[in-house]
N, C-alpha and C. Protein backbone atom coordinates (compact mmCIF):
# COMPACT_ATOMS: atom_id res chain seq x y z
N MET A 1 0.85 -1.18 0.00
CA MET A 1 0.00 0.00 0.00
C MET A 1 0.90 1.24 0.00
N PRO A 2 1.05 1.84 -1.14
CA PRO A 2 1.93 2.99 -1.24
C PRO A 2 1.26 4.29 -0.79
N ILE A 3 2.10 5.20 -0.34
CA ILE A 3 1.66 6.55 -0.01
C ILE A 3 2.09 7.43 -1.17
N TYR A 4 1.15 8.17 -1.72
CA TYR A 4 1.43 9.06 -2.83
C TYR A 4 1.25 10.51 -2.40
N GLU A 5 2.01 11.38 -3.05
CA GLU A 5 1.89 12.82 -2.83
C GLU A 5 1.11 13.42 -3.99
N TYR A 6 0.20 14.33 -3.66
CA TYR A 6 -0.65 14.95 -4.67
C TYR A 6 -0.72 16.46 -4.47
N VAL A 7 -1.09 17.15 -5.57
CA VAL A 7 -1.47 18.56 -5.53
C VAL A 7 -2.84 18.64 -6.16
N CYS A 8 -3.77 19.28 -5.46
CA CYS A 8 -5.13 19.43 -5.97
C CYS A 8 -5.13 20.57 -6.99
N GLN A 9 -5.65 20.31 -8.18
CA GLN A 9 -5.71 21.33 -9.22
C GLN A 9 -6.82 22.35 -8.94
N SER A 10 -7.80 22.00 -8.12
CA SER A 10 -8.91 22.90 -7.80
C SER A 10 -8.53 23.93 -6.74
N CYS A 11 -7.95 23.47 -5.63
CA CYS A 11 -7.68 24.39 -4.52
C CYS A 11 -6.19 24.61 -4.24
N GLY A 12 -5.32 23.83 -4.88
CA GLY A 12 -3.88 23.99 -4.69
C GLY A 12 -3.32 23.30 -3.45
N SER A 13 -4.13 22.56 -2.75
CA SER A 13 -3.69 21.87 -1.54
C SER A 13 -2.69 20.78 -1.89
N GLU A 14 -1.62 20.66 -1.07
CA GLU A 14 -0.63 19.59 -1.22
C GLU A 14 -0.83 18.62 -0.08
N PHE A 15 -0.84 17.32 -0.38
CA PHE A 15 -1.11 16.33 0.64
C PHE A 15 -0.59 14.96 0.23
N GLU A 16 -0.54 14.04 1.19
CA GLU A 16 -0.16 12.65 0.96
C GLU A 16 -1.36 11.77 1.25
N LEU A 17 -1.51 10.69 0.49
CA LEU A 17 -2.60 9.75 0.72
C LEU A 17 -2.09 8.32 0.61
N LEU A 18 -2.62 7.47 1.45
CA LEU A 18 -2.38 6.04 1.36
C LEU A 18 -3.46 5.49 0.44
N ILE A 19 -3.04 4.88 -0.65
CA ILE A 19 -4.00 4.36 -1.64
C ILE A 19 -4.03 2.84 -1.56
N ARG A 20 -5.22 2.31 -1.37
CA ARG A 20 -5.42 0.86 -1.28
C ARG A 20 -6.15 0.38 -2.52
N GLY A 21 -5.57 -0.63 -3.15
CA GLY A 21 -6.22 -1.26 -4.29
C GLY A 21 -6.57 -0.28 -5.40
N GLU A 22 -7.83 -0.27 -5.77
CA GLU A 22 -8.31 0.56 -6.88
C GLU A 22 -9.00 1.83 -6.40
N GLU A 23 -8.70 2.29 -5.19
CA GLU A 23 -9.32 3.51 -4.67
C GLU A 23 -8.99 4.71 -5.55
N THR A 24 -9.94 5.61 -5.66
CA THR A 24 -9.73 6.85 -6.38
C THR A 24 -9.52 7.95 -5.34
N PRO A 25 -8.37 8.61 -5.38
CA PRO A 25 -8.09 9.63 -4.36
C PRO A 25 -8.93 10.89 -4.56
N ALA A 26 -9.17 11.59 -3.46
CA ALA A 26 -9.87 12.87 -3.49
C ALA A 26 -9.15 13.83 -2.55
N CYS A 27 -9.22 15.11 -2.84
CA CYS A 27 -8.58 16.13 -2.02
C CYS A 27 -9.25 16.19 -0.64
N PRO A 28 -8.49 16.14 0.45
CA PRO A 28 -9.09 16.23 1.78
C PRO A 28 -9.63 17.62 2.11
N SER A 29 -9.20 18.65 1.37
CA SER A 29 -9.67 20.01 1.64
C SER A 29 -10.98 20.32 0.94
N CYS A 30 -10.99 20.07 -0.40
CA CYS A 30 -12.19 20.45 -1.17
C CYS A 30 -12.92 19.26 -1.76
N GLU A 31 -12.39 18.05 -1.52
CA GLU A 31 -12.94 16.81 -2.04
C GLU A 31 -12.93 16.72 -3.56
N GLY A 32 -12.09 17.56 -4.19
CA GLY A 32 -11.96 17.54 -5.64
C GLY A 32 -11.22 16.30 -6.11
N ALA A 33 -11.47 15.92 -7.36
CA ALA A 33 -10.84 14.73 -7.93
C ALA A 33 -9.77 15.08 -8.95
N GLU A 34 -9.59 16.37 -9.24
CA GLU A 34 -8.57 16.79 -10.21
C GLU A 34 -7.23 16.91 -9.48
N LEU A 35 -6.52 15.79 -9.39
CA LEU A 35 -5.28 15.73 -8.64
C LEU A 35 -4.11 15.45 -9.56
N GLU A 36 -2.97 16.04 -9.21
CA GLU A 36 -1.74 15.78 -9.94
C GLU A 36 -0.80 15.03 -9.00
N LYS A 37 -0.41 13.82 -9.41
CA LYS A 37 0.50 13.03 -8.58
C LYS A 37 1.89 13.64 -8.68
N GLN A 38 2.54 13.82 -7.54
CA GLN A 38 3.86 14.42 -7.48
C GLN A 38 4.92 13.34 -7.47
N PHE A 39 6.07 13.66 -8.00
CA PHE A 39 7.21 12.76 -7.96
C PHE A 39 7.80 12.82 -6.56
N SER A 40 7.96 11.69 -5.92
CA SER A 40 8.56 11.67 -4.58
C SER A 40 9.67 10.63 -4.56
N LEU A 41 10.70 10.95 -3.81
CA LEU A 41 11.85 10.06 -3.71
C LEU A 41 11.69 9.11 -2.53
N PRO A 42 12.08 7.87 -2.70
CA PRO A 42 12.02 6.94 -1.57
C PRO A 42 13.07 7.32 -0.54
N ARG A 43 12.80 7.02 0.70
CA ARG A 43 13.75 7.29 1.76
C ARG A 43 14.67 6.08 1.89
N VAL A 44 15.96 6.35 1.86
CA VAL A 44 16.94 5.28 1.91
C VAL A 44 17.69 5.36 3.23
N HIS A 45 17.81 4.23 3.89
CA HIS A 45 18.54 4.16 5.15
C HIS A 45 19.73 3.24 4.97
N SER A 46 20.90 3.82 4.90
CA SER A 46 22.12 3.01 4.79
C SER A 46 22.67 2.75 6.18
N GLU A 47 23.56 1.80 6.29
CA GLU A 47 24.18 1.50 7.58
C GLU A 47 24.98 2.70 8.08
N GLY A 48 25.67 3.40 7.17
CA GLY A 48 26.45 4.57 7.56
C GLY A 48 25.57 5.67 8.12
N ARG A 49 24.46 5.92 7.44
CA ARG A 49 23.53 6.96 7.90
C ARG A 49 22.91 6.57 9.24
N LYS A 50 22.57 5.30 9.38
CA LYS A 50 21.97 4.82 10.62
C LYS A 50 22.95 5.01 11.77
N GLN A 51 24.23 4.66 11.55
CA GLN A 51 25.24 4.80 12.60
C GLN A 51 25.45 6.26 12.97
N ARG A 52 25.48 7.16 11.98
CA ARG A 52 25.63 8.59 12.27
C ARG A 52 24.46 9.11 13.09
N SER A 53 23.26 8.65 12.77
CA SER A 53 22.08 9.07 13.53
C SER A 53 22.15 8.57 14.97
N LEU A 54 22.57 7.32 15.15
CA LEU A 54 22.70 6.77 16.50
C LEU A 54 23.77 7.50 17.30
N ASP A 55 24.90 7.81 16.66
CA ASP A 55 25.98 8.54 17.33
C ASP A 55 25.52 9.93 17.76
N ALA A 56 24.79 10.62 16.88
CA ALA A 56 24.29 11.96 17.20
C ALA A 56 23.30 11.89 18.36
N ALA A 57 22.43 10.89 18.36
CA ALA A 57 21.45 10.75 19.44
C ALA A 57 22.14 10.44 20.76
N LYS A 58 23.16 9.59 20.73
CA LYS A 58 23.90 9.25 21.94
C LYS A 58 24.60 10.49 22.50
N LYS A 59 25.22 11.27 21.63
CA LYS A 59 25.90 12.49 22.05
C LYS A 59 24.91 13.48 22.66
N ARG A 60 23.75 13.62 22.02
CA ARG A 60 22.71 14.52 22.53
C ARG A 60 22.22 14.06 23.90
N ASP A 61 21.99 12.76 24.06
CA ASP A 61 21.51 12.23 25.33
C ASP A 61 22.54 12.39 26.45
N GLN A 62 23.82 12.19 26.12
CA GLN A 62 24.87 12.38 27.12
C GLN A 62 24.93 13.84 27.56
N SER A 63 24.80 14.75 26.60
CA SER A 63 24.82 16.18 26.91
C SER A 63 23.65 16.55 27.82
N LEU A 64 22.47 16.05 27.48
CA LEU A 64 21.29 16.34 28.31
C LEU A 64 21.43 15.73 29.69
N GLY A 65 22.01 14.54 29.77
CA GLY A 65 22.22 13.90 31.06
C GLY A 65 23.17 14.71 31.93
N SER A 66 24.25 15.22 31.35
CA SER A 66 25.20 16.04 32.09
C SER A 66 24.54 17.31 32.60
N GLU A 67 23.71 17.91 31.78
CA GLU A 67 23.00 19.13 32.18
C GLU A 67 22.06 18.85 33.35
N ARG A 68 21.39 17.72 33.31
CA ARG A 68 20.47 17.36 34.41
C ARG A 68 21.23 17.15 35.72
N VAL A 69 22.38 16.48 35.64
CA VAL A 69 23.19 16.25 36.84
C VAL A 69 23.65 17.58 37.41
N ARG A 70 24.14 18.48 36.55
CA ARG A 70 24.57 19.80 37.02
C ARG A 70 23.43 20.57 37.65
N ALA A 71 22.26 20.55 37.02
CA ALA A 71 21.10 21.27 37.55
C ALA A 71 20.68 20.70 38.90
N GLN A 72 20.68 19.38 39.04
CA GLN A 72 20.32 18.75 40.31
C GLN A 72 21.32 19.14 41.39
N ARG A 73 22.60 19.11 41.08
CA ARG A 73 23.65 19.47 42.05
C ARG A 73 23.51 20.93 42.47
N GLU A 74 23.26 21.81 41.51
CA GLU A 74 23.07 23.24 41.82
C GLU A 74 21.86 23.43 42.71
N TYR A 75 20.78 22.73 42.41
CA TYR A 75 19.58 22.82 43.23
C TYR A 75 19.87 22.38 44.66
N GLU A 76 20.57 21.27 44.80
CA GLU A 76 20.89 20.76 46.13
C GLU A 76 21.76 21.73 46.91
N LEU A 77 22.72 22.36 46.25
CA LEU A 77 23.59 23.32 46.92
C LEU A 77 22.84 24.58 47.35
N ASN A 78 21.89 25.01 46.53
CA ASN A 78 21.15 26.25 46.82
C ASN A 78 19.94 26.05 47.71
N HIS A 79 19.54 24.83 47.92
CA HIS A 79 18.36 24.54 48.73
C HIS A 79 18.72 23.58 49.87
N ASP A 80 19.67 23.98 50.65
CA ASP A 80 20.13 23.16 51.78
C ASP A 80 19.09 23.24 52.88
N ASP A 81 18.41 22.16 53.15
CA ASP A 81 17.30 22.14 54.11
C ASP A 81 17.70 21.51 55.44
N HIS A 82 18.84 21.85 55.98
CA HIS A 82 19.27 21.28 57.26
C HIS A 82 18.59 21.96 58.39
């Protein structure tokens, strides 16, 4: 079941639709049937790209974790409830 991108010729709306079998698509804005199918590129996930994404996420999470630890320590130092 592919997802196609369309532009409505009646109202100019751009949208994506999941088309099943022999369904005829219609514009979700104006319900028009004069649609132009757009050329869309498939998304490719290579091992290199996947690894770069994982590395970036790990770095971001470590940075956020360090910030949380610093904030907690600062809070504890400034709110000494003895």
